């Protein structure tokens, strides 16, 4: 399994009501949050009825410019994390970014 198949979504606890309404696997939209004052490469993860978290800050800078400059919606597969994902890291959701091209391949 490649690392891009298991990209964690962070801050999920703040959006737990939206997360609980999601099925086991689903598709999310990714949106560059240009006005985020805490994280300049913030990529919001939108699924179901709204925001469900953010792409992990270690990964987001590699995709931010490509998502920000896209003229069409960027989507990717997502799934709920396992019980051990939640218990060991607090991660509720995982993204599969293998279909996206990083803006910074390093």
N, C-alpha and C. Protein backbone atom coordinates (compact mmCIF):
# COMPACT_ATOMS: atom_id res chain seq x y z
N UNK A 1 0.84 -1.18 0.00
CA UNK A 1 0.00 0.00 0.00
C UNK A 1 0.89 1.25 0.00
N UNK A 2 0.60 2.18 -0.90
CA UNK A 2 1.37 3.41 -0.98
C UNK A 2 0.87 4.41 0.07
N UNK A 3 1.75 5.30 0.47
CA UNK A 3 1.37 6.31 1.48
C UNK A 3 0.23 7.19 1.02
N UNK A 4 0.14 7.46 -0.27
CA UNK A 4 -0.93 8.32 -0.78
C UNK A 4 -2.30 7.65 -0.71
N UNK A 5 -2.35 6.36 -0.40
CA UNK A 5 -3.62 5.65 -0.24
C UNK A 5 -4.17 5.77 1.18
N UNK A 6 -3.37 6.31 2.10
CA UNK A 6 -3.77 6.40 3.52
C UNK A 6 -3.44 7.77 4.10
N UNK A 7 -3.90 8.82 3.46
CA UNK A 7 -3.63 10.17 3.95
C UNK A 7 -4.66 10.53 5.02
N UNK A 8 -4.21 10.84 6.23
CA UNK A 8 -5.16 11.14 7.29
C UNK A 8 -5.84 12.50 7.13
N UNK A 9 -7.08 12.54 7.59
CA UNK A 9 -7.84 13.78 7.70
C UNK A 9 -7.75 14.20 9.15
N UNK A 10 -7.30 15.43 9.40
CA UNK A 10 -7.14 15.92 10.77
C UNK A 10 -8.28 16.85 11.15
N UNK A 11 -8.40 17.11 12.45
CA UNK A 11 -9.43 17.98 13.03
C UNK A 11 -10.82 17.39 12.89
N UNK A 12 -10.88 16.09 12.67
CA UNK A 12 -12.17 15.42 12.51
C UNK A 12 -13.10 15.56 13.70
N UNK A 13 -12.54 15.62 14.90
CA UNK A 13 -13.39 15.71 16.10
C UNK A 13 -14.25 16.97 16.08
N UNK A 14 -13.76 18.03 15.45
CA UNK A 14 -14.54 19.27 15.36
C UNK A 14 -15.74 19.11 14.44
N UNK A 15 -15.71 18.09 13.59
CA UNK A 15 -16.77 17.88 12.61
C UNK A 15 -17.41 16.50 12.79
N UNK A 16 -17.39 15.99 14.01
CA UNK A 16 -17.80 14.61 14.28
C UNK A 16 -19.25 14.33 13.87
N UNK A 17 -20.13 15.30 13.99
CA UNK A 17 -21.52 15.06 13.59
C UNK A 17 -21.62 14.80 12.09
N UNK A 18 -20.85 15.54 11.29
CA UNK A 18 -20.83 15.30 9.84
C UNK A 18 -20.21 13.94 9.53
N UNK A 19 -19.16 13.59 10.26
CA UNK A 19 -18.47 12.31 10.03
C UNK A 19 -19.36 11.14 10.35
N UNK A 20 -20.10 11.22 11.42
CA UNK A 20 -20.98 10.11 11.83
C UNK A 20 -22.05 9.80 10.79
N UNK A 21 -22.40 10.77 9.99
CA UNK A 21 -23.44 10.57 8.97
C UNK A 21 -22.90 9.93 7.69
N UNK A 22 -21.58 9.76 7.59
CA UNK A 22 -20.98 9.23 6.37
C UNK A 22 -20.97 7.70 6.36
N UNK A 23 -21.07 7.10 5.17
CA UNK A 23 -20.94 5.64 5.06
C UNK A 23 -19.48 5.22 5.24
N UNK A 24 -19.22 3.94 5.15
CA UNK A 24 -17.87 3.39 5.32
C UNK A 24 -16.90 3.92 4.26
N UNK A 25 -17.33 3.97 3.01
CA UNK A 25 -16.52 4.54 1.92
C UNK A 25 -17.37 5.57 1.18
N UNK A 26 -16.72 6.61 0.66
CA UNK A 26 -17.44 7.71 0.04
C UNK A 26 -16.45 8.56 -0.75
N UNK A 27 -16.94 9.57 -1.43
CA UNK A 27 -16.09 10.50 -2.18
C UNK A 27 -16.15 11.86 -1.51
N UNK A 28 -15.01 12.52 -1.41
CA UNK A 28 -14.95 13.86 -0.83
C UNK A 28 -14.47 14.86 -1.87
N UNK A 29 -14.76 16.12 -1.62
CA UNK A 29 -14.22 17.22 -2.42
C UNK A 29 -13.13 17.89 -1.61
N UNK A 30 -12.11 18.36 -2.29
CA UNK A 30 -11.00 19.05 -1.63
C UNK A 30 -11.01 20.51 -2.06
N UNK A 31 -10.85 21.40 -1.11
CA UNK A 31 -10.91 22.83 -1.40
C UNK A 31 -9.81 23.57 -0.65
N UNK A 32 -9.01 24.35 -1.38
CA UNK A 32 -7.96 25.16 -0.75
C UNK A 32 -8.63 26.27 0.05
N UNK A 33 -8.29 26.36 1.32
CA UNK A 33 -8.85 27.40 2.19
C UNK A 33 -7.87 28.56 2.26
N UNK A 34 -8.00 29.46 1.32
CA UNK A 34 -7.03 30.55 1.19
C UNK A 34 -7.05 31.51 2.38
N UNK A 35 -8.13 31.61 3.09
CA UNK A 35 -8.22 32.53 4.21
C UNK A 35 -7.93 31.93 5.57
N UNK A 36 -7.41 30.72 5.61
CA UNK A 36 -7.15 30.06 6.88
C UNK A 36 -5.93 30.71 7.54
N UNK A 37 -6.12 31.36 8.66
CA UNK A 37 -5.04 32.10 9.30
C UNK A 37 -4.11 31.23 10.14
N UNK A 38 -4.48 29.97 10.36
CA UNK A 38 -3.65 29.09 11.16
C UNK A 38 -2.74 28.21 10.33
N UNK A 39 -3.14 27.94 9.10
CA UNK A 39 -2.38 27.02 8.26
C UNK A 39 -2.45 27.50 6.83
N UNK A 40 -1.36 28.03 6.31
CA UNK A 40 -1.41 28.67 5.00
C UNK A 40 -1.63 27.70 3.84
N UNK A 41 -1.44 26.41 4.06
CA UNK A 41 -1.70 25.41 3.02
C UNK A 41 -2.91 24.55 3.37
N UNK A 42 -3.88 25.13 4.04
CA UNK A 42 -5.05 24.37 4.48
C UNK A 42 -5.88 23.89 3.29
N UNK A 43 -6.17 22.59 3.30
CA UNK A 43 -7.06 22.00 2.30
C UNK A 43 -8.22 21.38 3.06
N UNK A 44 -9.40 21.98 2.90
CA UNK A 44 -10.60 21.47 3.56
C UNK A 44 -11.07 20.22 2.85
N UNK A 45 -11.57 19.27 3.64
CA UNK A 45 -12.14 18.03 3.12
C UNK A 45 -13.64 18.13 3.33
N UNK A 46 -14.39 18.09 2.23
CA UNK A 46 -15.84 18.25 2.27
C UNK A 46 -16.52 16.95 1.86
N UNK A 47 -17.41 16.49 2.71
CA UNK A 47 -18.14 15.25 2.41
C UNK A 47 -19.48 15.25 3.08
N UNK A 48 -20.44 14.58 2.50
CA UNK A 48 -21.76 14.52 3.09
C UNK A 48 -22.38 15.89 3.19
N UNK A 49 -22.65 16.32 4.42
CA UNK A 49 -23.35 17.60 4.63
C UNK A 49 -22.43 18.78 4.88
N UNK A 50 -21.11 18.60 4.69
CA UNK A 50 -20.22 19.74 4.91
C UNK A 50 -18.79 19.32 5.18
N UNK A 51 -18.07 20.19 5.86
CA UNK A 51 -16.66 19.95 6.16
C UNK A 51 -16.52 18.81 7.15
N UNK A 52 -15.53 17.93 6.88
CA UNK A 52 -15.25 16.82 7.79
C UNK A 52 -13.82 16.85 8.32
N UNK A 53 -13.04 17.86 7.92
CA UNK A 53 -11.68 18.00 8.41
C UNK A 53 -10.77 18.62 7.38
N UNK A 54 -9.47 18.38 7.56
CA UNK A 54 -8.44 18.95 6.69
C UNK A 54 -7.43 17.87 6.31
N UNK A 55 -6.86 18.01 5.11
CA UNK A 55 -5.75 17.14 4.73
C UNK A 55 -4.62 17.38 5.73
N UNK A 56 -3.97 16.31 6.18
CA UNK A 56 -2.89 16.41 7.16
C UNK A 56 -1.87 17.46 6.75
N UNK A 57 -1.41 18.29 7.69
CA UNK A 57 -0.50 19.39 7.36
C UNK A 57 0.84 18.95 6.78
N UNK A 58 1.25 17.72 7.01
CA UNK A 58 2.50 17.23 6.43
C UNK A 58 2.36 16.96 4.93
N UNK A 59 1.14 16.73 4.49
CA UNK A 59 0.85 16.36 3.09
C UNK A 59 0.31 17.54 2.29
N UNK A 60 -0.48 18.39 2.93
CA UNK A 60 -1.18 19.47 2.23
C UNK A 60 -0.31 20.37 1.36
N UNK A 61 0.89 20.77 1.78
CA UNK A 61 1.68 21.66 0.92
C UNK A 61 2.01 21.07 -0.46
N UNK A 62 2.04 19.76 -0.54
CA UNK A 62 2.36 19.10 -1.81
C UNK A 62 1.20 19.14 -2.81
N UNK A 63 -0.01 19.39 -2.35
CA UNK A 63 -1.19 19.39 -3.21
C UNK A 63 -1.90 20.75 -3.27
N UNK A 64 -1.55 21.64 -2.37
CA UNK A 64 -2.28 22.91 -2.20
C UNK A 64 -2.37 23.72 -3.49
N UNK A 65 -1.25 24.00 -4.14
CA UNK A 65 -1.27 24.84 -5.34
C UNK A 65 -2.09 24.22 -6.47
N UNK A 66 -1.99 22.91 -6.65
CA UNK A 66 -2.76 22.24 -7.70
C UNK A 66 -4.26 22.33 -7.42
N UNK A 67 -4.65 22.17 -6.16
CA UNK A 67 -6.08 22.25 -5.80
C UNK A 67 -6.56 23.69 -5.91
N UNK A 68 -5.76 24.62 -5.43
CA UNK A 68 -6.13 26.04 -5.48
C UNK A 68 -6.32 26.53 -6.91
N UNK A 69 -5.48 26.10 -7.82
CA UNK A 69 -5.54 26.60 -9.20
C UNK A 69 -6.50 25.83 -10.09
N UNK A 70 -7.07 24.76 -9.60
CA UNK A 70 -7.98 23.96 -10.41
C UNK A 70 -9.27 24.73 -10.74
N UNK A 71 -9.71 24.60 -11.97
CA UNK A 71 -10.95 25.26 -12.38
C UNK A 71 -12.15 24.34 -12.24
N UNK A 72 -11.90 23.07 -11.93
CA UNK A 72 -13.00 22.13 -11.70
C UNK A 72 -12.83 21.51 -10.32
N UNK A 73 -13.90 21.01 -9.73
CA UNK A 73 -13.80 20.42 -8.39
C UNK A 73 -12.82 19.24 -8.36
N UNK A 74 -12.05 19.16 -7.30
CA UNK A 74 -11.12 18.05 -7.09
C UNK A 74 -11.77 17.10 -6.09
N UNK A 75 -11.89 15.84 -6.47
CA UNK A 75 -12.47 14.84 -5.58
C UNK A 75 -11.52 13.67 -5.44
N UNK A 76 -11.74 12.89 -4.39
CA UNK A 76 -10.95 11.67 -4.20
C UNK A 76 -11.74 10.71 -3.32
N UNK A 77 -11.41 9.42 -3.39
CA UNK A 77 -12.05 8.44 -2.52
C UNK A 77 -11.62 8.64 -1.07
N UNK A 78 -12.52 8.30 -0.17
CA UNK A 78 -12.22 8.39 1.27
C UNK A 78 -12.89 7.21 1.97
N UNK A 79 -12.41 6.94 3.15
CA UNK A 79 -13.01 5.87 3.96
C UNK A 79 -12.82 6.18 5.43
N UNK A 80 -13.64 5.54 6.21
CA UNK A 80 -13.50 5.68 7.66
C UNK A 80 -12.24 4.94 8.11
N UNK A 81 -11.58 5.48 9.10
CA UNK A 81 -10.42 4.81 9.67
C UNK A 81 -10.87 3.62 10.50
N UNK A 82 -9.93 2.74 10.78
CA UNK A 82 -10.23 1.57 11.62
C UNK A 82 -10.31 2.00 13.09
N UNK A 83 -10.73 1.09 13.91
CA UNK A 83 -10.77 1.35 15.34
C UNK A 83 -9.37 1.65 15.85
N UNK A 84 -8.37 0.90 15.36
CA UNK A 84 -7.00 1.15 15.82
C UNK A 84 -6.48 2.50 15.33
N UNK A 85 -6.91 2.96 14.13
CA UNK A 85 -6.53 4.32 13.68
C UNK A 85 -7.04 5.34 14.68
N UNK A 86 -8.28 5.19 15.08
CA UNK A 86 -8.88 6.13 16.02
C UNK A 86 -8.19 6.05 17.39
N UNK A 87 -7.99 4.85 17.89
CA UNK A 87 -7.42 4.68 19.23
C UNK A 87 -5.96 5.12 19.32
N UNK A 88 -5.18 4.94 18.26
CA UNK A 88 -3.75 5.27 18.33
C UNK A 88 -3.43 6.69 17.89
N UNK A 89 -4.29 7.30 17.05
CA UNK A 89 -3.95 8.63 16.55
C UNK A 89 -5.12 9.61 16.54
N UNK A 90 -6.32 9.14 16.77
CA UNK A 90 -7.48 10.01 16.72
C UNK A 90 -8.00 10.25 15.31
N UNK A 91 -7.39 9.60 14.32
CA UNK A 91 -7.80 9.78 12.93
C UNK A 91 -9.13 9.06 12.68
N UNK A 92 -10.08 9.80 12.14
CA UNK A 92 -11.40 9.24 11.84
C UNK A 92 -11.56 8.86 10.38
N UNK A 93 -10.86 9.58 9.49
CA UNK A 93 -11.01 9.37 8.05
C UNK A 93 -9.66 9.31 7.36
N UNK A 94 -9.62 8.56 6.26
CA UNK A 94 -8.41 8.45 5.45
C UNK A 94 -8.76 8.73 3.99
N UNK A 95 -7.88 9.43 3.30
CA UNK A 95 -8.08 9.76 1.89
C UNK A 95 -7.16 8.93 1.02
N UNK A 96 -7.60 8.70 -0.22
CA UNK A 96 -6.76 8.06 -1.23
C UNK A 96 -6.44 9.11 -2.27
N UNK A 97 -5.24 9.67 -2.21
CA UNK A 97 -4.84 10.74 -3.13
C UNK A 97 -4.04 10.23 -4.32
N UNK A 98 -4.06 8.93 -4.59
CA UNK A 98 -3.25 8.39 -5.68
C UNK A 98 -3.66 8.95 -7.04
N UNK A 99 -4.88 9.40 -7.22
CA UNK A 99 -5.31 9.95 -8.49
C UNK A 99 -4.97 11.42 -8.69
N UNK A 100 -4.38 12.05 -7.69
CA UNK A 100 -4.03 13.47 -7.78
C UNK A 100 -2.54 13.65 -8.03
N UNK A 101 -2.21 14.63 -8.81
CA UNK A 101 -0.81 14.94 -9.06
C UNK A 101 -0.35 16.02 -8.10
N UNK A 102 0.69 15.76 -7.33
CA UNK A 102 1.17 16.80 -6.41
C UNK A 102 1.70 18.01 -7.18
N UNK A 103 1.50 19.19 -6.61
CA UNK A 103 2.05 20.38 -7.24
C UNK A 103 3.54 20.50 -6.95
N UNK A 104 3.97 19.86 -5.86
CA UNK A 104 5.38 19.82 -5.50
C UNK A 104 5.74 18.36 -5.28
N UNK A 105 6.31 17.70 -6.26
CA UNK A 105 6.54 16.26 -6.12
C UNK A 105 7.62 15.84 -5.13
N UNK A 106 8.29 16.79 -4.50
CA UNK A 106 9.35 16.40 -3.55
C UNK A 106 8.79 15.82 -2.28
